[in-house]
């Protein structure tokens, strides 16, 4: 379901011709499911998006051209872990 949700979101961007305007991606995993209208952050890979969802997001050409800003809970050490995981998922 996560890969499908990512695909639907990216299709929505394309349908509305917004991929060319995508400059920044706000990256955090989600405590709530897609469409829950709740912005509760979780560490990368530990929420509803998960590793596979982030792998799909980071593989998209429009996302690969954008800057990625991590906004996850915690301290600097946890930010480093989230960043390293994103780098591995992008490879």
PDB file of N, CA and C in Angstrom:
ATOM      1  N   UNK A   1       0.818  -1.195   0.000  1.00  0.00           N
ATOM      2  CA  UNK A   1       0.000   0.000   0.000  1.00  0.00           C
ATOM      3  C   UNK A   1       0.860   1.257   0.000  1.00  0.00           C
ATOM      4  N   UNK A   2       2.011   1.243   0.664  1.00  0.00           N
ATOM      5  CA  UNK A   2       2.860   2.425   0.720  1.00  0.00           C
ATOM      6  C   UNK A   2       3.363   2.810  -0.653  1.00  0.00           C
ATOM      7  N   UNK A   3       3.867   1.843  -1.414  1.00  0.00           N
ATOM      8  CA  UNK A   3       4.362   2.139  -2.755  1.00  0.00           C
ATOM      9  C   UNK A   3       3.225   2.684  -3.623  1.00  0.00           C
ATOM     10  N   UNK A   4       2.037   2.140  -3.455  1.00  0.00           N
ATOM     11  CA  UNK A   4       0.874   2.629  -4.209  1.00  0.00           C
ATOM     12  C   UNK A   4       0.521   4.059  -3.800  1.00  0.00           C
ATOM     13  N   UNK A   5       0.583   4.347  -2.510  1.00  0.00           N
ATOM     14  CA  UNK A   5       0.299   5.699  -2.029  1.00  0.00           C
ATOM     15  C   UNK A   5       1.294   6.708  -2.564  1.00  0.00           C
ATOM     16  N   UNK A   6       2.559   6.321  -2.597  1.00  0.00           N
ATOM     17  CA  UNK A   6       3.604   7.197  -3.150  1.00  0.00           C
ATOM     18  C   UNK A   6       3.321   7.416  -4.627  1.00  0.00           C
ATOM     19  N   UNK A   7       3.027   6.347  -5.349  1.00  0.00           N
ATOM     20  CA  UNK A   7       2.739   6.458  -6.780  1.00  0.00           C
ATOM     21  C   UNK A   7       1.556   7.388  -7.027  1.00  0.00           C
ATOM     22  N   UNK A   8       0.495   7.252  -6.220  1.00  0.00           N
ATOM     23  CA  UNK A   8      -0.682   8.125  -6.385  1.00  0.00           C
ATOM     24  C   UNK A   8      -0.323   9.588  -6.138  1.00  0.00           C
ATOM     25  N   UNK A   9       0.492   9.834  -5.125  1.00  0.00           N
ATOM     26  CA  UNK A   9       0.895  11.211  -4.821  1.00  0.00           C
ATOM     27  C   UNK A   9       1.714  11.804  -5.960  1.00  0.00           C
ATOM     28  N   UNK A  10       2.628  11.022  -6.512  1.00  0.00           N
ATOM     29  CA  UNK A  10       3.458  11.517  -7.609  1.00  0.00           C
ATOM     30  C   UNK A  10       2.637  11.707  -8.880  1.00  0.00           C
ATOM     31  N   UNK A  11       1.651  10.851  -9.113  1.00  0.00           N
ATOM     32  CA  UNK A  11       0.742  11.033 -10.251  1.00  0.00           C
ATOM     33  C   UNK A  11      -0.040  12.327 -10.071  1.00  0.00           C
ATOM     34  N   UNK A  12      -0.508  12.596  -8.855  1.00  0.00           N
ATOM     35  CA  UNK A  12      -1.236  13.841  -8.585  1.00  0.00           C
ATOM     36  C   UNK A  12      -0.380  15.052  -8.954  1.00  0.00           C
ATOM     37  N   UNK A  13       0.908  15.019  -8.590  1.00  0.00           N
ATOM     38  CA  UNK A  13       1.807  16.125  -8.938  1.00  0.00           C
ATOM     39  C   UNK A  13       1.908  16.287 -10.454  1.00  0.00           C
ATOM     40  N   UNK A  14       2.016  15.156 -11.157  1.00  0.00           N
ATOM     41  CA  UNK A  14       2.144  15.218 -12.606  1.00  0.00           C
ATOM     42  C   UNK A  14       0.846  15.694 -13.282  1.00  0.00           C
ATOM     43  N   UNK A  15      -0.278  15.193 -12.819  1.00  0.00           N
ATOM     44  CA  UNK A  15      -1.575  15.585 -13.395  1.00  0.00           C
ATOM     45  C   UNK A  15      -1.763  17.094 -13.293  1.00  0.00           C
ATOM     46  N   UNK A  16      -1.352  17.661 -12.195  1.00  0.00           N
ATOM     47  CA  UNK A  16      -1.504  19.094 -11.978  1.00  0.00           C
ATOM     48  C   UNK A  16      -0.285  19.887 -12.460  1.00  0.00           C
ATOM     49  N   UNK A  17       0.610  19.183 -13.154  1.00  0.00           N
ATOM     50  CA  UNK A  17       1.820  19.803 -13.740  1.00  0.00           C
ATOM     51  C   UNK A  17       2.649  20.565 -12.715  1.00  0.00           C
ATOM     52  N   UNK A  18       2.832  19.938 -11.567  1.00  0.00           N
ATOM     53  CA  UNK A  18       3.572  20.585 -10.483  1.00  0.00           C
ATOM     54  C   UNK A  18       4.991  20.062 -10.313  1.00  0.00           C
ATOM     55  N   UNK A  19       5.344  18.983 -10.997  1.00  0.00           N
ATOM     56  CA  UNK A  19       6.689  18.426 -10.786  1.00  0.00           C
ATOM     57  C   UNK A  19       7.773  19.410 -11.193  1.00  0.00           C
ATOM     58  N   UNK A  20       7.520  20.200 -12.213  1.00  0.00           N
ATOM     59  CA  UNK A  20       8.548  21.166 -12.637  1.00  0.00           C
ATOM     60  C   UNK A  20       8.759  22.262 -11.603  1.00  0.00           C
ATOM     61  N   UNK A  21       7.782  22.437 -10.712  1.00  0.00           N
ATOM     62  CA  UNK A  21       7.894  23.455  -9.669  1.00  0.00           C
ATOM     63  C   UNK A  21       8.429  22.894  -8.353  1.00  0.00           C
ATOM     64  N   UNK A  22       8.615  21.584  -8.291  1.00  0.00           N
ATOM     65  CA  UNK A  22       9.082  20.950  -7.057  1.00  0.00           C
ATOM     66  C   UNK A  22      10.545  21.311  -6.811  1.00  0.00           C
ATOM     67  N   UNK A  23      10.794  22.034  -5.758  1.00  0.00           N
ATOM     68  CA  UNK A  23      12.156  22.480  -5.426  1.00  0.00           C
ATOM     69  C   UNK A  23      12.651  21.890  -4.109  1.00  0.00           C
ATOM     70  N   UNK A  24      11.717  21.675  -3.175  1.00  0.00           N
ATOM     71  CA  UNK A  24      12.098  21.201  -1.843  1.00  0.00           C
ATOM     72  C   UNK A  24      11.130  20.102  -1.416  1.00  0.00           C
ATOM     73  N   UNK A  25      11.691  19.056  -0.826  1.00  0.00           N
ATOM     74  CA  UNK A  25      10.886  17.978  -0.271  1.00  0.00           C
ATOM     75  C   UNK A  25      11.063  17.998   1.239  1.00  0.00           C
ATOM     76  N   UNK A  26       9.968  18.059   1.942  1.00  0.00           N
ATOM     77  CA  UNK A  26       9.941  18.036   3.407  1.00  0.00           C
ATOM     78  C   UNK A  26       9.880  16.554   3.790  1.00  0.00           C
ATOM     79  N   UNK A  27      10.972  16.026   4.310  1.00  0.00           N
ATOM     80  CA  UNK A  27      11.069  14.583   4.566  1.00  0.00           C
ATOM     81  C   UNK A  27      10.925  14.246   6.046  1.00  0.00           C
ATOM     82  N   UNK A  28       9.876  13.521   6.322  1.00  0.00           N
ATOM     83  CA  UNK A  28       9.715  12.883   7.623  1.00  0.00           C
ATOM     84  C   UNK A  28       8.748  11.731   7.404  1.00  0.00           C
ATOM     85  N   UNK A  29       8.896  10.689   8.185  1.00  0.00           N
ATOM     86  CA  UNK A  29       7.921   9.617   8.099  1.00  0.00           C
ATOM     87  C   UNK A  29       6.679  10.096   8.834  1.00  0.00           C
ATOM     88  N   UNK A  30       5.582   9.384   8.690  1.00  0.00           N
ATOM     89  CA  UNK A  30       4.305   9.866   9.200  1.00  0.00           C
ATOM     90  C   UNK A  30       3.713   8.912  10.227  1.00  0.00           C
ATOM     91  N   UNK A  31       3.269   9.477  11.335  1.00  0.00           N
ATOM     92  CA  UNK A  31       2.569   8.666  12.340  1.00  0.00           C
ATOM     93  C   UNK A  31       1.162   8.315  11.882  1.00  0.00           C
ATOM     94  N   UNK A  32       0.596   9.128  10.983  1.00  0.00           N
ATOM     95  CA  UNK A  32      -0.754   8.889  10.472  1.00  0.00           C
ATOM     96  C   UNK A  32      -0.717   8.433   9.029  1.00  0.00           C
ATOM     97  N   UNK A  33      -1.748   7.733   8.610  1.00  0.00           N
ATOM     98  CA  UNK A  33      -1.850   7.244   7.236  1.00  0.00           C
ATOM     99  C   UNK A  33      -2.085   8.397   6.261  1.00  0.00           C
ATOM    100  N   UNK A  34      -1.779   8.167   4.981  1.00  0.00           N
ATOM    101  CA  UNK A  34      -2.011   9.151   3.931  1.00  0.00           C
ATOM    102  C   UNK A  34      -3.485   9.568   3.971  1.00  0.00           C
ATOM    103  N   UNK A  35      -3.703  10.869   3.903  1.00  0.00           N
ATOM    104  CA  UNK A  35      -5.055  11.386   3.910  1.00  0.00           C
ATOM    105  C   UNK A  35      -5.643  11.589   5.295  1.00  0.00           C
ATOM    106  N   UNK A  36      -4.866  11.322   6.341  1.00  0.00           N
ATOM    107  CA  UNK A  36      -5.395  11.472   7.702  1.00  0.00           C
ATOM    108  C   UNK A  36      -5.467  12.936   8.143  1.00  0.00           C
ATOM    109  N   UNK A  37      -4.827  13.827   7.379  1.00  0.00           N
ATOM    110  CA  UNK A  37      -4.799  15.260   7.690  1.00  0.00           C
ATOM    111  C   UNK A  37      -4.142  15.536   9.040  1.00  0.00           C
ATOM    112  N   UNK A  38      -3.199  14.664   9.407  1.00  0.00           N
ATOM    113  CA  UNK A  38      -2.453  14.850  10.651  1.00  0.00           C
ATOM    114  C   UNK A  38      -0.979  14.951  10.302  1.00  0.00           C
ATOM    115  N   UNK A  39      -0.330  15.977  10.774  1.00  0.00           N
ATOM    116  CA  UNK A  39       1.088  16.200  10.493  1.00  0.00           C
ATOM    117  C   UNK A  39       1.903  15.842  11.726  1.00  0.00           C
ATOM    118  N   UNK A  40       1.992  14.549  11.994  1.00  0.00           N
ATOM    119  CA  UNK A  40       2.763  14.048  13.138  1.00  0.00           C
ATOM    120  C   UNK A  40       3.999  13.349  12.591  1.00  0.00           C
ATOM    121  N   UNK A  41       5.153  13.868  12.937  1.00  0.00           N
ATOM    122  CA  UNK A  41       6.411  13.386  12.364  1.00  0.00           C
ATOM    123  C   UNK A  41       6.925  12.144  13.071  1.00  0.00           C
ATOM    124  N   UNK A  42       7.607  11.314  12.283  1.00  0.00           N
ATOM    125  CA  UNK A  42       8.244  10.098  12.783  1.00  0.00           C
ATOM    126  C   UNK A  42       9.599   9.983  12.096  1.00  0.00           C
ATOM    127  N   UNK A  43      10.494   9.208  12.683  1.00  0.00           N
ATOM    128  CA  UNK A  43      11.801   8.990  12.063  1.00  0.00           C
ATOM    129  C   UNK A  43      11.634   8.248  10.744  1.00  0.00           C
ATOM    130  N   UNK A  44      12.557   8.497   9.833  1.00  0.00           N
ATOM    131  CA  UNK A  44      12.527   7.867   8.514  1.00  0.00           C
ATOM    132  C   UNK A  44      12.495   6.351   8.685  1.00  0.00           C
ATOM    133  N   UNK A  45      11.544   5.713   8.017  1.00  0.00           N
ATOM    134  CA  UNK A  45      11.425   4.258   8.052  1.00  0.00           C
ATOM    135  C   UNK A  45      10.621   3.711   9.209  1.00  0.00           C
ATOM    136  N   UNK A  46      10.169   4.567  10.122  1.00  0.00           N
ATOM    137  CA  UNK A  46       9.470   4.088  11.313  1.00  0.00           C
ATOM    138  C   UNK A  46       7.981   4.434  11.333  1.00  0.00           C
ATOM    139  N   UNK A  47       7.479   4.966  10.236  1.00  0.00           N
ATOM    140  CA  UNK A  47       6.074   5.347  10.183  1.00  0.00           C
ATOM    141  C   UNK A  47       5.349   4.681   9.028  1.00  0.00           C
ATOM    142  N   UNK A  48       4.260   5.279   8.602  1.00  0.00           N
ATOM    143  CA  UNK A  48       3.423   4.719   7.546  1.00  0.00           C
ATOM    144  C   UNK A  48       4.102   4.726   6.177  1.00  0.00           C
ATOM    145  N   UNK A  49       5.018   5.631   5.943  1.00  0.00           N
ATOM    146  CA  UNK A  49       5.705   5.675   4.648  1.00  0.00           C
ATOM    147  C   UNK A  49       6.706   4.530   4.567  1.00  0.00           C
ATOM    148  N   UNK A  50       7.516   4.368   5.585  1.00  0.00           N
ATOM    149  CA  UNK A  50       8.454   3.250   5.648  1.00  0.00           C
ATOM    150  C   UNK A  50       9.596   3.337   4.650  1.00  0.00           C
ATOM    151  N   UNK A  51      10.511   2.378   4.751  1.00  0.00           N
ATOM    152  CA  UNK A  51      11.680   2.342   3.861  1.00  0.00           C
ATOM    153  C   UNK A  51      11.276   2.250   2.392  1.00  0.00           C
ATOM    154  N   UNK A  52      10.342   1.358   2.082  1.00  0.00           N
ATOM    155  CA  UNK A  52       9.932   1.167   0.683  1.00  0.00           C
ATOM    156  C   UNK A  52       9.288   2.421   0.112  1.00  0.00           C
ATOM    157  N   UNK A  53       8.507   3.103   0.918  1.00  0.00           N
ATOM    158  CA  UNK A  53       7.898   4.343   0.457  1.00  0.00           C
ATOM    159  C   UNK A  53       8.940   5.404   0.156  1.00  0.00           C
ATOM    160  N   UNK A  54       9.913   5.548   1.052  1.00  0.00           N
ATOM    161  CA  UNK A  54      10.977   6.530   0.810  1.00  0.00           C
ATOM    162  C   UNK A  54      11.837   6.128  -0.370  1.00  0.00           C
ATOM    163  N   UNK A  55      12.085   4.845  -0.546  1.00  0.00           N
ATOM    164  CA  UNK A  55      12.847   4.381  -1.705  1.00  0.00           C
ATOM    165  C   UNK A  55      12.121   4.802  -2.991  1.00  0.00           C
ATOM    166  N   UNK A  56      10.805   4.642  -3.025  1.00  0.00           N
ATOM    167  CA  UNK A  56      10.014   5.031  -4.201  1.00  0.00           C
ATOM    168  C   UNK A  56      10.026   6.550  -4.394  1.00  0.00           C
ATOM    169  N   UNK A  57       9.879   7.287  -3.318  1.00  0.00           N
ATOM    170  CA  UNK A  57       9.895   8.754  -3.409  1.00  0.00           C
ATOM    171  C   UNK A  57      11.235   9.231  -3.954  1.00  0.00           C
ATOM    172  N   UNK A  58      12.310   8.721  -3.385  1.00  0.00           N
ATOM    173  CA  UNK A  58      13.649   9.187  -3.741  1.00  0.00           C
ATOM    174  C   UNK A  58      14.084   8.737  -5.125  1.00  0.00           C
ATOM    175  N   UNK A  59      13.404   7.761  -5.700  1.00  0.00           N
ATOM    176  CA  UNK A  59      13.724   7.292  -7.049  1.00  0.00           C
ATOM    177  C   UNK A  59      13.082   8.165  -8.125  1.00  0.00           C
ATOM    178  N   UNK A  60      12.106   8.959  -7.751  1.00  0.00           N
ATOM    179  CA  UNK A  60      11.403   9.783  -8.733  1.00  0.00           C
ATOM    180  C   UNK A  60      12.326  10.899  -9.228  1.00  0.00           C
ATOM    181  N   UNK A  61      12.426  11.090 -10.568  1.00  0.00           N
ATOM    182  CA  UNK A  61      13.317  12.124 -11.120  1.00  0.00           C
ATOM    183  C   UNK A  61      13.036  13.534 -10.601  1.00  0.00           C
ATOM    184  N   UNK A  62      11.782  13.884 -10.408  1.00  0.00           N
ATOM    185  CA  UNK A  62      11.460  15.227  -9.907  1.00  0.00           C
ATOM    186  C   UNK A  62      11.975  15.416  -8.488  1.00  0.00           C
ATOM    187  N   UNK A  63      11.879  14.390  -7.672  1.00  0.00           N
ATOM    188  CA  UNK A  63      12.366  14.463  -6.293  1.00  0.00           C
ATOM    189  C   UNK A  63      13.890  14.489  -6.274  1.00  0.00           C
ATOM    190  N   UNK A  64      14.520  13.730  -7.143  1.00  0.00           N
ATOM    191  CA  UNK A  64      15.989  13.677  -7.172  1.00  0.00           C
ATOM    192  C   UNK A  64      16.596  15.034  -7.521  1.00  0.00           C
ATOM    193  N   UNK A  65      15.844  15.880  -8.216  1.00  0.00           N
ATOM    194  CA  UNK A  65      16.333  17.229  -8.551  1.00  0.00           C
ATOM    195  C   UNK A  65      16.101  18.224  -7.411  1.00  0.00           C
ATOM    196  N   UNK A  66      15.281  17.879  -6.460  1.00  0.00           N
ATOM    197  CA  UNK A  66      14.895  18.802  -5.386  1.00  0.00           C
ATOM    198  C   UNK A  66      15.823  18.669  -4.177  1.00  0.00           C
ATOM    199  N   UNK A  67      15.834  19.697  -3.375  1.00  0.00           N
ATOM    200  CA  UNK A  67      16.516  19.638  -2.078  1.00  0.00           C
ATOM    201  C   UNK A  67      15.607  18.874  -1.113  1.00  0.00           C
ATOM    202  N   UNK A  68      16.214  18.154  -0.187  1.00  0.00           N
ATOM    203  CA  UNK A  68      15.446  17.398   0.799  1.00  0.00           C
ATOM    204  C   UNK A  68      15.765  17.950   2.180  1.00  0.00           C
ATOM    205  N   UNK A  69      14.735  18.367   2.891  1.00  0.00           N
ATOM    206  CA  UNK A  69      14.872  18.904   4.238  1.00  0.00           C
ATOM    207  C   UNK A  69      14.266  17.881   5.199  1.00  0.00           C
ATOM    208  N   UNK A  70      15.073  17.438   6.153  1.00  0.00           N
ATOM    209  CA  UNK A  70      14.604  16.454   7.120  1.00  0.00           C
ATOM    210  C   UNK A  70      13.979  17.185   8.306  1.00  0.00           C
ATOM    211  N   UNK A  71      12.768  16.769   8.658  1.00  0.00           N
ATOM    212  CA  UNK A  71      12.108  17.323   9.839  1.00  0.00           C
ATOM    213  C   UNK A  71      11.547  16.161  10.657  1.00  0.00           C
ATOM    214  N   UNK A  72      12.428  15.580  11.435  1.00  0.00           N
ATOM    215  CA  UNK A  72      12.068  14.435  12.274  1.00  0.00           C
ATOM    216  C   UNK A  72      12.276  14.802  13.736  1.00  0.00           C
ATOM    217  N   UNK A  73      11.615  14.088  14.644  1.00  0.00           N
ATOM    218  CA  UNK A  73      11.775  14.402  16.068  1.00  0.00           C
ATOM    219  C   UNK A  73      13.158  13.995  16.576  1.00  0.00           C
ATOM    220  N   UNK A  74      13.627  14.675  17.576  1.00  0.00           N
ATOM    221  CA  UNK A  74      14.851  14.216  18.216  1.00  0.00           C
ATOM    222  C   UNK A  74      16.013  15.180  18.168  1.00  0.00           C
ATOM    223  N   UNK A  75      17.177  14.584  18.372  1.00  0.00           N
ATOM    224  CA  UNK A  75      18.419  15.345  18.481  1.00  0.00           C
ATOM    225  C   UNK A  75      19.294  15.162  17.255  1.00  0.00           C
ATOM    226  N   UNK A  76      20.421  15.825  17.266  1.00  0.00           N
ATOM    227  CA  UNK A  76      21.362  15.801  16.152  1.00  0.00           C
ATOM    228  C   UNK A  76      21.792  14.378  15.797  1.00  0.00           C
ATOM    229  N   UNK A  77      22.033  13.537  16.790  1.00  0.00           N
ATOM    230  CA  UNK A  77      22.454  12.155  16.507  1.00  0.00           C
ATOM    231  C   UNK A  77      21.386  11.421  15.703  1.00  0.00           C
ATOM    232  N   UNK A  78      20.128  11.676  16.039  1.00  0.00           N
ATOM    233  CA  UNK A  78      19.027  11.036  15.322  1.00  0.00           C
ATOM    234  C   UNK A  78      18.883  11.618  13.922  1.00  0.00           C
ATOM    235  N   UNK A  79      19.166  12.910  13.775  1.00  0.00           N
ATOM    236  CA  UNK A  79      19.146  13.522  12.449  1.00  0.00           C
ATOM    237  C   UNK A  79      20.199  12.876  11.553  1.00  0.00           C
ATOM    238  N   UNK A  80      21.367  12.621  12.112  1.00  0.00           N
ATOM    239  CA  UNK A  80      22.430  11.961  11.340  1.00  0.00           C
ATOM    240  C   UNK A  80      21.990  10.575  10.879  1.00  0.00           C
ATOM    241  N   UNK A  81      21.332   9.839  11.767  1.00  0.00           N
ATOM    242  CA  UNK A  81      20.849   8.502  11.417  1.00  0.00           C
ATOM    243  C   UNK A  81      19.792   8.580  10.322  1.00  0.00           C
ATOM    244  N   UNK A  82      18.857   9.544  10.433  1.00  0.00           N
ATOM    245  CA  UNK A  82      17.834   9.724   9.406  1.00  0.00           C
ATOM    246  C   UNK A  82      18.449  10.101   8.064  1.00  0.00           C
ATOM    247  N   UNK A  83      19.437  10.973   8.083  1.00  0.00           N
ATOM    248  CA  UNK A  83      20.114  11.390   6.851  1.00  0.00           C
ATOM    249  C   UNK A  83      20.834  10.210   6.207  1.00  0.00           C
ATOM    250  N   UNK A  84      21.540   9.429   6.995  1.00  0.00           N
ATOM    251  CA  UNK A  84      22.252   8.270   6.466  1.00  0.00           C
ATOM    252  C   UNK A  84      21.274   7.262   5.857  1.00  0.00           C
ATOM    253  N   UNK A  85      20.155   7.047   6.506  1.00  0.00           N
ATOM    254  CA  UNK A  85      19.154   6.127   5.974  1.00  0.00           C
ATOM    255  C   UNK A  85      18.604   6.650   4.650  1.00  0.00           C
ATOM    256  N   UNK A  86      18.301   7.931   4.562  1.00  0.00           N
ATOM    257  CA  UNK A  86      17.827   8.498   3.301  1.00  0.00           C
ATOM    258  C   UNK A  86      18.856   8.318   2.189  1.00  0.00           C
ATOM    259  N   UNK A  87      20.111   8.515   2.506  1.00  0.00           N
ATOM    260  CA  UNK A  87      21.177   8.324   1.505  1.00  0.00           C
ATOM    261  C   UNK A  87      21.242   6.879   1.020  1.00  0.00           C
ATOM    262  N   UNK A  88      21.099   5.930   1.952  1.00  0.00           N
ATOM    263  CA  UNK A  88      21.105   4.512   1.560  1.00  0.00           C
ATOM    264  C   UNK A  88      19.891   4.174   0.705  1.00  0.00           C
ATOM    265  N   UNK A  89      18.745   4.706   1.051  1.00  0.00           N
ATOM    266  CA  UNK A  89      17.528   4.430   0.290  1.00  0.00           C
ATOM    267  C   UNK A  89      17.568   5.051  -1.093  1.00  0.00           C
ATOM    268  N   UNK A  90      18.313   6.136  -1.237  1.00  0.00           N
ATOM    269  CA  UNK A  90      18.431   6.804  -2.540  1.00  0.00           C
ATOM    270  C   UNK A  90      19.393   6.069  -3.466  1.00  0.00           C
ATOM    271  N   UNK A  91      20.337   5.345  -2.892  1.00  0.00           N
ATOM    272  CA  UNK A  91      21.381   4.692  -3.713  1.00  0.00           C
ATOM    273  C   UNK A  91      20.816   3.578  -4.575  1.00  0.00           C
TER     274      UNK A  91
END
